[in-house]
C-alpha atoms as a PDB file:
ATOM      1  CA  MET A   1       0.000   0.000   0.000  1.00  0.00           C
ATOM      2  CA  ALA A   2       1.419   3.370  -1.004  1.00  0.00           C
ATOM      3  CA  PHE A   3       1.298   6.452   1.197  1.00  0.00           C
ATOM      4  CA  ARG A   4       1.618  10.054   0.159  1.00  0.00           C
ATOM      5  CA  PHE A   5       0.882  13.461   1.579  1.00  0.00           C
ATOM      6  CA  GLU A   6      -1.656  15.521  -0.328  1.00  0.00           C
ATOM      7  CA  SER A   7      -1.730  19.239   0.364  1.00  0.00           C
ATOM      8  CA  HIS A   8      -5.112  21.001   0.427  1.00  0.00           C
ATOM      9  CA  ARG A   9      -3.677  24.396  -0.426  1.00  0.00           C
ATOM     10  CA  GLU A  10      -5.230  26.263  -3.322  1.00  0.00           C
ATOM     11  CA  THR A  11      -1.914  26.309  -5.199  1.00  0.00           C
ATOM     12  CA  GLU A  12      -1.351  22.856  -6.698  1.00  0.00           C
ATOM     13  CA  LEU A  13       1.934  21.304  -5.629  1.00  0.00           C
ATOM     14  CA  GLN A  14       3.493  17.900  -6.129  1.00  0.00           C
ATOM     15  CA  PRO A  15       2.659  15.861  -3.001  1.00  0.00           C
ATOM     16  CA  ASN A  16       6.243  14.867  -2.269  1.00  0.00           C
ATOM     17  CA  LEU A  17       7.262  15.167   1.365  1.00  0.00           C
ATOM     18  CA  LEU A  18      10.951  14.441   0.786  1.00  0.00           C
ATOM     19  CA  HIS A  19      12.117  17.745  -0.689  1.00  0.00           C
ATOM     20  CA  SER A  20      14.239  18.672   2.324  1.00  0.00           C
ATOM     21  CA  PRO A  21      16.047  16.935   5.207  1.00  0.00           C
ATOM     22  CA  MET A  22      13.503  18.393   7.673  1.00  0.00           C
ATOM     23  CA  ASN A  23      10.558  17.113   5.649  1.00  0.00           C
ATOM     24  CA  LYS A  24      12.278  13.732   5.350  1.00  0.00           C
ATOM     25  CA  ARG A  25      12.561  13.508   9.130  1.00  0.00           C
ATOM     26  CA  ILE A  26       8.868  14.466   9.481  1.00  0.00           C
ATOM     27  CA  PHE A  27       7.988  11.847   6.865  1.00  0.00           C
ATOM     28  CA  LEU A  28       9.902   9.079   8.635  1.00  0.00           C
ATOM     29  CA  THR A  29       8.597  10.090  12.072  1.00  0.00           C
ATOM     30  CA  LEU A  30       4.999  10.136  10.831  1.00  0.00           C
ATOM     31  CA  HIS A  31       5.319   6.722   9.214  1.00  0.00           C
ATOM     32  CA  ALA A  32       6.854   5.325  12.391  1.00  0.00           C
ATOM     33  CA  TRP A  33       3.802   6.604  14.303  1.00  0.00           C
ATOM     34  CA  ILE A  34       1.474   5.011  11.741  1.00  0.00           C
ATOM     35  CA  PHE A  35       3.272   1.662  12.024  1.00  0.00           C
ATOM     36  CA  VAL A  36       3.111   1.692  15.829  1.00  0.00           C
ATOM     37  CA  VAL A  37      -0.514   2.759  16.161  1.00  0.00           C
ATOM     38  CA  THR A  38      -1.733   0.410  13.470  1.00  0.00           C
ATOM     39  CA  PHE A  39      -0.451  -2.640  15.331  1.00  0.00           C
ATOM     40  CA  SER A  40      -0.864  -1.501  18.973  1.00  0.00           C
ATOM     41  CA  PHE A  41      -2.841   1.297  20.443  1.00  0.00           C
ATOM     42  CA  CYS A  42      -1.420  13.063  26.512  1.00  0.00           C
ATOM     43  CA  GLN A  43      -4.052  13.165  28.487  1.00  0.00           C
ATOM     44  CA  GLN A  44      -6.358  10.246  28.862  1.00  0.00           C
ATOM     45  CA  ASN A  45      -9.515  10.933  26.848  1.00  0.00           C
ATOM     46  CA  LEU A  46     -13.100   9.812  26.628  1.00  0.00           C
ATOM     47  CA  PHE A  47     -13.812  10.120  22.888  1.00  0.00           C
ATOM     48  CA  ASN A  48     -13.235  13.841  22.254  1.00  0.00           C
ATOM     49  CA  ILE A  49     -12.484  15.391  25.652  1.00  0.00           C
ATOM     50  CA  PRO A  50     -10.056  14.619  28.515  1.00  0.00           C
ATOM     51  CA  SER A  51     -11.394  12.037  30.954  1.00  0.00           C
ATOM     52  CA  GLY A  52      -9.829  13.549  34.061  1.00  0.00           C
ATOM     53  CA  ASP A  53      -7.865  10.358  34.781  1.00  0.00           C
ATOM     54  CA  ILE A  54      -4.210  10.872  35.718  1.00  0.00           C
ATOM     55  CA  THR A  55      -1.688   8.305  34.499  1.00  0.00           C
ATOM     56  CA  ARG A  56       0.140   6.679  37.389  1.00  0.00           C
ATOM     57  CA  LYS A  57       3.703   7.710  38.218  1.00  0.00           C
ATOM     58  CA  GLY A  58       6.253   6.025  35.983  1.00  0.00           C
ATOM     59  CA  LYS A  59       3.534   4.350  33.881  1.00  0.00           C
ATOM     60  CA  PHE A  60       2.135   5.040  30.420  1.00  0.00           C
ATOM     61  CA  PHE A  61      -1.231   5.201  28.732  1.00  0.00           C
ATOM     62  CA  TYR A  62      -1.761   4.883  24.981  1.00  0.00           C
ATOM     63  CA  GLN A  63      -4.963   5.573  23.073  1.00  0.00           C
ATOM     64  CA  HIS A  64      -5.654   5.254  19.381  1.00  0.00           C
ATOM     65  CA  GLN A  65      -8.869   6.446  17.818  1.00  0.00           C
ATOM     66  CA  PHE A  66     -10.345   6.224  14.334  1.00  0.00           C
ATOM     67  CA  ASN A  67     -13.250   8.428  13.304  1.00  0.00           C
ATOM     68  CA  VAL A  68     -15.057   6.643  10.473  1.00  0.00           C
ATOM     69  CA  TYR A  69     -17.073   8.860   8.124  1.00  0.00           C
ATOM     70  CA  SER A  70     -17.552   6.429   5.216  1.00  0.00           C
ATOM     71  CA  ALA A  71     -16.175   3.151   3.893  1.00  0.00           C
ATOM     72  CA  ASP A  72     -13.094   4.927   2.546  1.00  0.00           C
ATOM     73  CA  GLN A  73     -12.796   8.054   4.713  1.00  0.00           C
ATOM     74  CA  PHE A  74     -11.197   7.955   8.185  1.00  0.00           C
ATOM     75  CA  GLU A  75      -9.465  10.241  10.646  1.00  0.00           C
ATOM     76  CA  SER A  76      -6.721   9.027  12.976  1.00  0.00           C
ATOM     77  CA  LYS A  77      -5.909  10.319  16.482  1.00  0.00           C
ATOM     78  CA  SER A  78      -3.222   8.948  18.823  1.00  0.00           C
ATOM     79  CA  HIS A  79      -2.360   9.939  22.400  1.00  0.00           C
ATOM     80  CA  LEU A  80       0.626   8.821  24.469  1.00  0.00           C
ATOM     81  CA  VAL A  81       0.778   9.815  28.155  1.00  0.00           C
ATOM     82  CA  TYR A  82       3.377   9.384  30.911  1.00  0.00           C
ATOM     83  CA  GLY A  83       2.690   9.809  34.633  1.00  0.00           C
ATOM     84  CA  LEU A  84       5.006  12.104  36.598  1.00  0.00           C
ATOM     85  CA  GLY A  85       3.497  11.618  40.052  1.00  0.00           C
ATOM     86  CA  LYS A  86       1.907  14.171  42.409  1.00  0.00           C
ATOM     87  CA  ASN A  87      -1.162  14.204  40.108  1.00  0.00           C
ATOM     88  CA  TRP A  88       0.806  15.352  37.039  1.00  0.00           C
ATOM     89  CA  ASP A  89       1.080  13.732  33.634  1.00  0.00           C
ATOM     90  CA  ILE A  90       2.509  14.789  30.281  1.00  0.00           C
ATOM     91  CA  GLY A  91       2.027  13.449  26.786  1.00  0.00           C
ATOM     92  CA  LEU A  92       2.282  13.659  23.032  1.00  0.00           C
ATOM     93  CA  ASN A  93      -0.616  13.736  20.562  1.00  0.00           C
ATOM     94  CA  LEU A  94      -0.714  13.122  16.822  1.00  0.00           C
ATOM     95  CA  VAL A  95      -4.267  14.017  15.825  1.00  0.00           C
ATOM     96  CA  ASP A  96      -6.546  15.021  12.948  1.00  0.00           C
ATOM     97  CA  LEU A  97      -4.739  12.835  10.425  1.00  0.00           C
ATOM     98  CA  PRO A  98      -7.134  12.105   7.517  1.00  0.00           C
ATOM     99  CA  ILE A  99      -6.820   8.716   5.825  1.00  0.00           C
ATOM    100  CA  SER A 100      -8.817   7.881   2.716  1.00  0.00           C
ATOM    101  CA  PHE A 101      -8.774   4.786   0.556  1.00  0.00           C
ATOM    102  CA  LYS A 102      -9.477   5.696  -3.034  1.00  0.00           C
ATOM    103  CA  LYS A 103      -8.178   4.218  -6.281  1.00  0.00           C
ATOM    104  CA  GLY A 104      -6.289   1.602  -4.292  1.00  0.00           C
ATOM    105  CA  THR A 105      -4.106   4.181  -2.526  1.00  0.00           C
ATOM    106  CA  SER A 106      -4.088   5.463   1.033  1.00  0.00           C
ATOM    107  CA  LEU A 107      -3.820   9.259   1.070  1.00  0.00           C
ATOM    108  CA  LEU A 108      -2.425  11.085   4.065  1.00  0.00           C
ATOM    109  CA  SER A 109      -3.828  14.588   3.616  1.00  0.00           C
ATOM    110  CA  ALA A 110      -2.497  17.827   5.034  1.00  0.00           C
ATOM    111  CA  ASN A 111      -4.072  21.265   5.171  1.00  0.00           C
ATOM    112  CA  ASP A 112      -1.657  24.178   5.577  1.00  0.00           C
ATOM    113  CA  ALA A 113      -3.396  26.831   3.452  1.00  0.00           C
ATOM    114  CA  ALA A 114      -3.014  30.348   4.823  1.00  0.00           C
ATOM    115  CA  GLY A 115      -6.245  31.390   6.507  1.00  0.00           C
ATOM    116  CA  VAL A 116      -8.015  28.075   5.835  1.00  0.00           C
ATOM    117  CA  PHE A 117      -8.500  26.594   9.294  1.00  0.00           C
ATOM    118  CA  PRO A 118      -8.301  24.153  10.971  1.00  0.00           C
ATOM    119  CA  PHE A 119      -4.837  22.990   9.990  1.00  0.00           C
ATOM    120  CA  TYR A 120      -4.053  19.258  10.096  1.00  0.00           C
ATOM    121  CA  PRO A 121      -2.466  16.922  10.989  1.00  0.00           C
ATOM    122  CA  LEU A 122      -1.370  18.288  14.382  1.00  0.00           C
ATOM    123  CA  LEU A 123       1.482  17.268  16.679  1.00  0.00           C
ATOM    124  CA  THR A 124       1.011  18.609  20.212  1.00  0.00           C
ATOM    125  CA  ALA A 125       2.519  18.205  23.672  1.00  0.00           C
ATOM    126  CA  THR A 126       0.174  17.922  26.638  1.00  0.00           C
ATOM    127  CA  ALA A 127       0.357  18.611  30.357  1.00  0.00           C
ATOM    128  CA  GLN A 128      -2.280  18.071  33.022  1.00  0.00           C
ATOM    129  CA  LYS A 129      -2.546  18.610  36.776  1.00  0.00           C
ATOM    130  CA  GLN A 130      -5.285  17.279  39.055  1.00  0.00           C
ATOM    131  CA  PHE A 131      -6.389  18.796  42.368  1.00  0.00           C
ATOM    132  CA  ASP A 132      -8.381  16.744  44.858  1.00  0.00           C
ATOM    133  CA  VAL A 133     -11.350  18.579  46.357  1.00  0.00           C
ATOM    134  CA  GLY A 134     -12.985  16.222  48.802  1.00  0.00           C
ATOM    135  CA  HIS A 135     -13.431  12.490  48.403  1.00  0.00           C
ATOM    136  CA  HIS A 136     -15.619  12.502  45.286  1.00  0.00           C
ATOM    137  CA  PHE A 137     -14.504  15.589  43.369  1.00  0.00           C
ATOM    138  CA  GLN A 138     -11.398  16.674  41.465  1.00  0.00           C
ATOM    139  CA  ILE A 139     -10.437  19.652  39.326  1.00  0.00           C
ATOM    140  CA  ASN A 140      -8.198  19.094  36.308  1.00  0.00           C
ATOM    141  CA  VAL A 141      -6.299  21.888  34.546  1.00  0.00           C
ATOM    142  CA  GLY A 142      -4.543  21.086  31.287  1.00  0.00           C
ATOM    143  CA  THR A 143      -3.145  22.305  28.003  1.00  0.00           C
ATOM    144  CA  GLN A 144      -2.298  21.038  24.537  1.00  0.00           C
ATOM    145  CA  LEU A 145       0.333  23.045  22.652  1.00  0.00           C
ATOM    146  CA  GLY A 146       2.062  22.363  19.348  1.00  0.00           C
ATOM    147  CA  GLY A 147       1.554  22.897  15.638  1.00  0.00           C
ATOM    148  CA  ASN A 148       0.572  21.383  12.324  1.00  0.00           C
ATOM    149  CA  ILE A 149       2.784  19.195  10.132  1.00  0.00           C
ATOM    150  CA  PRO A 150       3.043  21.123   6.840  1.00  0.00           C
ATOM    151  CA  ALA A 151       3.393  19.447   3.438  1.00  0.00           C
ATOM    152  CA  ASN A 152       5.922  20.606   0.806  1.00  0.00           C
ATOM    153  CA  GLY A 153       7.201  23.547   2.819  1.00  0.00           C
ATOM    154  CA  GLY A 154       3.707  24.836   3.533  1.00  0.00           C
ATOM    155  CA  GLN A 155       2.624  27.153   6.316  1.00  0.00           C
ATOM    156  CA  TYR A 156       3.288  26.192   9.945  1.00  0.00           C
ATOM    157  CA  ASN A 157       1.128  27.586  12.742  1.00  0.00           C
ATOM    158  CA  TRP A 158       1.007  27.143  16.502  1.00  0.00           C
ATOM    159  CA  VAL A 159      -2.085  25.512  17.954  1.00  0.00           C
ATOM    160  CA  TYR A 160      -3.329  25.414  21.515  1.00  0.00           C
ATOM    161  CA  MET A 161      -6.253  24.249  23.611  1.00  0.00           C
ATOM    162  CA  ASN A 162      -6.564  24.978  27.339  1.00  0.00           C
ATOM    163  CA  TYR A 163      -9.207  23.641  29.696  1.00  0.00           C
ATOM    164  CA  ALA A 164     -10.361  23.315  33.296  1.00  0.00           C
ATOM    165  CA  LEU A 165     -12.626  20.399  34.186  1.00  0.00           C
ATOM    166  CA  GLY A 166     -14.477  19.423  37.327  1.00  0.00           C
ATOM    167  CA  ARG A 167     -14.923  15.696  37.790  1.00  0.00           C
ATOM    168  CA  CYS A 168     -17.587  14.250  40.100  1.00  0.00           C
ATOM    169  CA  ASN A 169     -17.044  10.592  41.003  1.00  0.00           C
ATOM    170  CA  LEU A 170     -20.193   8.709  41.937  1.00  0.00           C
ATOM    171  CA  PRO A 171     -20.102   6.660  45.174  1.00  0.00           C
ATOM    172  CA  ASP A 172     -19.125   2.965  45.102  1.00  0.00           C
ATOM    173  CA  HIS A 173     -17.308   3.312  41.762  1.00  0.00           C
ATOM    174  CA  LYS A 174     -20.559   3.834  39.873  1.00  0.00           C
ATOM    175  CA  GLY A 175     -18.943   6.101  37.296  1.00  0.00           C
ATOM    176  CA  TYR A 176     -18.307   9.805  36.941  1.00  0.00           C
ATOM    177  CA  PHE A 177     -19.342  13.003  35.187  1.00  0.00           C
ATOM    178  CA  ILE A 178     -16.903  15.662  34.016  1.00  0.00           C
ATOM    179  CA  ALA A 179     -17.508  19.189  32.705  1.00  0.00           C
ATOM    180  CA  GLY A 180     -15.798  22.541  32.317  1.00  0.00           C
ATOM    181  CA  PRO A 181     -14.665  25.352  29.992  1.00  0.00           C
ATOM    182  CA  TYR A 182     -12.171  25.269  27.132  1.00  0.00           C
ATOM    183  CA  HIS A 183     -10.317  27.887  25.076  1.00  0.00           C
ATOM    184  CA  ALA A 184      -8.614  27.179  21.726  1.00  0.00           C
ATOM    185  CA  ASN A 185      -7.463  28.962  18.582  1.00  0.00           C
ATOM    186  CA  ASP A 186      -8.691  28.850  14.962  1.00  0.00           C
ATOM    187  CA  VAL A 187      -5.799  26.647  13.841  1.00  0.00           C
ATOM    188  CA  TYR A 188      -7.000  23.878  16.155  1.00  0.00           C
ATOM    189  CA  PHE A 189     -10.798  24.228  16.134  1.00  0.00           C
ATOM    190  CA  GLY A 190     -11.411  25.893  12.780  1.00  0.00           C
ATOM    191  CA  PRO A 191     -13.602  28.937  12.179  1.00  0.00           C
ATOM    192  CA  SER A 192     -16.421  29.710  14.582  1.00  0.00           C
ATOM    193  CA  SER A 193     -19.596  31.675  13.953  1.00  0.00           C
ATOM    194  CA  SER A 194     -19.064  33.394  17.302  1.00  0.00           C
ATOM    195  CA  GLY A 195     -15.589  34.570  16.281  1.00  0.00           C
ATOM    196  CA  GLN A 196     -13.968  32.916  19.290  1.00  0.00           C
ATOM    197  CA  HIS A 197     -13.394  29.470  20.716  1.00  0.00           C
ATOM    198  CA  ILE A 198     -14.514  29.681  24.303  1.00  0.00           C
ATOM    199  CA  GLY A 199     -17.029  27.061  25.300  1.00  0.00           C
ATOM    200  CA  TRP A 200     -17.590  24.080  27.526  1.00  0.00           C
ATOM    201  CA  MET A 201     -17.139  20.329  27.443  1.00  0.00           C
ATOM    202  CA  PHE A 202     -19.131  17.570  29.119  1.00  0.00           C
ATOM    203  CA  GLY A 203     -18.542  13.820  29.416  1.00  0.00           C
ATOM    204  CA  TYR A 204     -19.438  10.753  31.429  1.00  0.00           C
ATOM    205  CA  GLU A 205     -18.671   7.091  32.030  1.00  0.00           C
ATOM    206  CA  VAL A 206     -21.171   4.847  33.830  1.00  0.00           C
ATOM    207  CA  PRO A 207     -20.454   1.118  34.314  1.00  0.00           C
ATOM    208  CA  LEU A 208     -23.225  -1.361  33.584  1.00  0.00           C
ATOM    209  CA  SER A 209     -21.177  -4.407  34.623  1.00  0.00           C
ATOM    210  CA  SER A 210     -17.566  -5.345  35.373  1.00  0.00           C
ATOM    211  CA  ARG A 211     -16.876  -5.408  31.633  1.00  0.00           C
ATOM    212  CA  ILE A 212     -19.189  -2.859  30.009  1.00  0.00           C
ATOM    213  CA  SER A 213     -19.709   0.885  30.571  1.00  0.00           C
ATOM    214  CA  LEU A 214     -21.653   3.640  28.863  1.00  0.00           C
ATOM    215  CA  MET A 215     -19.474   6.531  27.718  1.00  0.00           C
ATOM    216  CA  GLY A 216     -19.981   9.761  25.786  1.00  0.00           C
ATOM    217  CA  ASP A 217     -19.046  13.426  25.519  1.00  0.00           C
ATOM    218  CA  PHE A 218     -20.087  16.799  24.111  1.00  0.00           C
ATOM    219  CA  VAL A 219     -18.172  19.899  22.913  1.00  0.00           C
ATOM    220  CA  SER A 220     -20.140  23.151  22.673  1.00  0.00           C
ATOM    221  CA  GLY A 221     -19.792  25.801  19.979  1.00  0.00           C
ATOM    222  CA  GLN A 222     -20.106  26.015  16.207  1.00  0.00           C
ATOM    223  CA  ASN A 223     -16.640  24.891  15.109  1.00  0.00           C
ATOM    224  CA  LYS A 224     -15.032  21.756  13.646  1.00  0.00           C
ATOM    225  CA  LYS A 225     -14.852  20.082  17.070  1.00  0.00           C
ATOM    226  CA  SER A 226     -18.434  20.825  18.147  1.00  0.00           C
ATOM    227  CA  VAL A 227     -19.736  17.253  18.115  1.00  0.00           C
ATOM    228  CA  SER A 228     -21.282  14.714  20.473  1.00  0.00           C
ATOM    229  CA  THR A 229     -20.621  11.019  20.985  1.00  0.00           C
ATOM    230  CA  PHE A 230     -22.719   8.274  22.532  1.00  0.00           C
ATOM    231  CA  GLY A 231     -21.255   4.822  22.987  1.00  0.00           C
ATOM    232  CA  GLY A 232     -19.671   2.337  25.294  1.00  0.00           C
ATOM    233  CA  VAL A 233     -16.541   0.669  26.637  1.00  0.00           C
ATOM    234  CA  TYR A 234     -15.665  -3.015  26.792  1.00  0.00           C
ATOM    235  CA  ASN A 235     -12.881  -4.037  29.199  1.00  0.00           C
ATOM    236  CA  VAL A 236     -10.995  -6.666  27.212  1.00  0.00           C
ATOM    237  CA  SER A 237      -8.547  -7.178  30.083  1.00  0.00           C
ATOM    238  CA  LYS A 238      -7.160  -5.282  33.077  1.00  0.00           C
ATOM    239  CA  ARG A 239      -5.004  -3.238  30.684  1.00  0.00           C
ATOM    240  CA  LEU A 240      -6.939  -3.095  27.435  1.00  0.00           C
ATOM    241  CA  GLN A 241     -10.244  -1.445  26.501  1.00  0.00           C
ATOM    242  CA  LEU A 242     -12.240  -1.306  23.271  1.00  0.00           C
ATOM    243  CA  CYS A 243     -14.546   1.714  22.871  1.00  0.00           C
ATOM    244  CA  VAL A 244     -17.165   2.311  20.153  1.00  0.00           C
ATOM    245  CA  ALA A 245     -19.527   5.265  19.710  1.00  0.00           C
ATOM    246  CA  ALA A 246     -21.789   7.094  17.304  1.00  0.00           C
ATOM    247  CA  LEU A 247     -20.293  10.427  16.193  1.00  0.00           C
ATOM    248  CA  LEU A 248     -23.123  12.953  16.013  1.00  0.00           C
ATOM    249  CA  PRO A 249     -23.044  16.398  14.298  1.00  0.00           C
ATOM    250  CA  TYR A 250     -24.375  18.266  17.313  1.00  0.00           C
ATOM    251  CA  PRO A 251     -24.320  21.131  18.183  1.00  0.00           C
ATOM    252  CA  ASN A 252     -22.649  21.928  14.817  1.00  0.00           C
ATOM    253  CA  GLN A 253     -25.081  20.293  12.403  1.00  0.00           C
ATOM    254  CA  GLU A 254     -22.913  21.145   9.377  1.00  0.00           C
ATOM    255  CA  LEU A 255     -20.389  18.461  10.327  1.00  0.00           C
ATOM    256  CA  SER A 256     -20.450  14.869   9.095  1.00  0.00           C
ATOM    257  CA  LYS A 257     -21.909  12.050  11.132  1.00  0.00           C
ATOM    258  CA  GLY A 258     -19.922   8.884  11.632  1.00  0.00           C
ATOM    259  CA  ALA A 259     -18.607   6.370  14.140  1.00  0.00           C
ATOM    260  CA  VAL A 260     -15.679   6.227  16.555  1.00  0.00           C
ATOM    261  CA  ILE A 261     -13.510   3.168  17.211  1.00  0.00           C
ATOM    262  CA  GLU A 262     -11.009   3.517  20.031  1.00  0.00           C
ATOM    263  CA  ILE A 263      -8.412   1.315  21.745  1.00  0.00           C
ATOM    264  CA  ASN A 264      -7.024   2.162  25.193  1.00  0.00           C
ATOM    265  CA  TRP A 265      -3.825   0.462  26.371  1.00  0.00           C
ATOM    266  CA  TYR A 266      -2.745   0.978  29.986  1.00  0.00           C
ATOM    267  CA  GLY A 267       0.755   0.290  31.269  1.00  0.00           C
ATOM    268  CA  TYR A 268      -0.813  -0.803  34.571  1.00  0.00           C
ATOM    269  CA  ASP A 269      -3.952  -2.563  35.829  1.00  0.00           C
ATOM    270  CA  PHE A 270      -6.462   0.295  35.671  1.00  0.00           C
ATOM    271  CA  LYS A 271      -8.969  -1.416  37.988  1.00  0.00           C
ATOM    272  CA  ASP A 272      -6.570  -1.819  40.907  1.00  0.00           C
END
């Protein structure tokens, strides 16, 4: 199967990522990521928002997600997190990577057109801190900061998304709800009818049995991330989860509907 980057800029360019040593390094790094996440599995996420879970000190968490919009149109998101201790974790995200299968070829698309937001794919670093407030409530403060991976010497822009989330844990491990505000820029979230990207996020996970939980989330606004999910989690083992959800164009009804398939791999027994 052949891979190539296709730029979505208005000026037509040859989609060759190997024109410079820097682009060659990006090319090799990206393909290494694709190889790893295809055969295996930041902040820990529900489907589209942080879950409020902190990765344990010295351990890792890996999540890989595919948004499926049609039989030949996908979007890939991967999150790697490392626990620092004292309720801190840091990570690395490679997100918003479109993959389409047309004419027998897999196309890795990039958008780096000046003024045409959001840019993609994005490579961002993450950091998150959790504060305990009582036995059943925590506050998480986090950030994602990085930039897009340009094709053929295209435009590079910084992206960011900051948030503060309150997480309420139900008694007797019956699940949790999480909600709070976010702030991001156009490069990350795309244009907004309100002219700014300040909104709120909401999510939940409620176990139905030792193996199965309901899970979903919601992102407010009228931008490219303003969607909802409704689905569930299956605990394959003490370290592996399979998550599936419907991807709903709400509140932004101009977006495409689809499905989400997600794999969570913990470097520790998450139920202990």
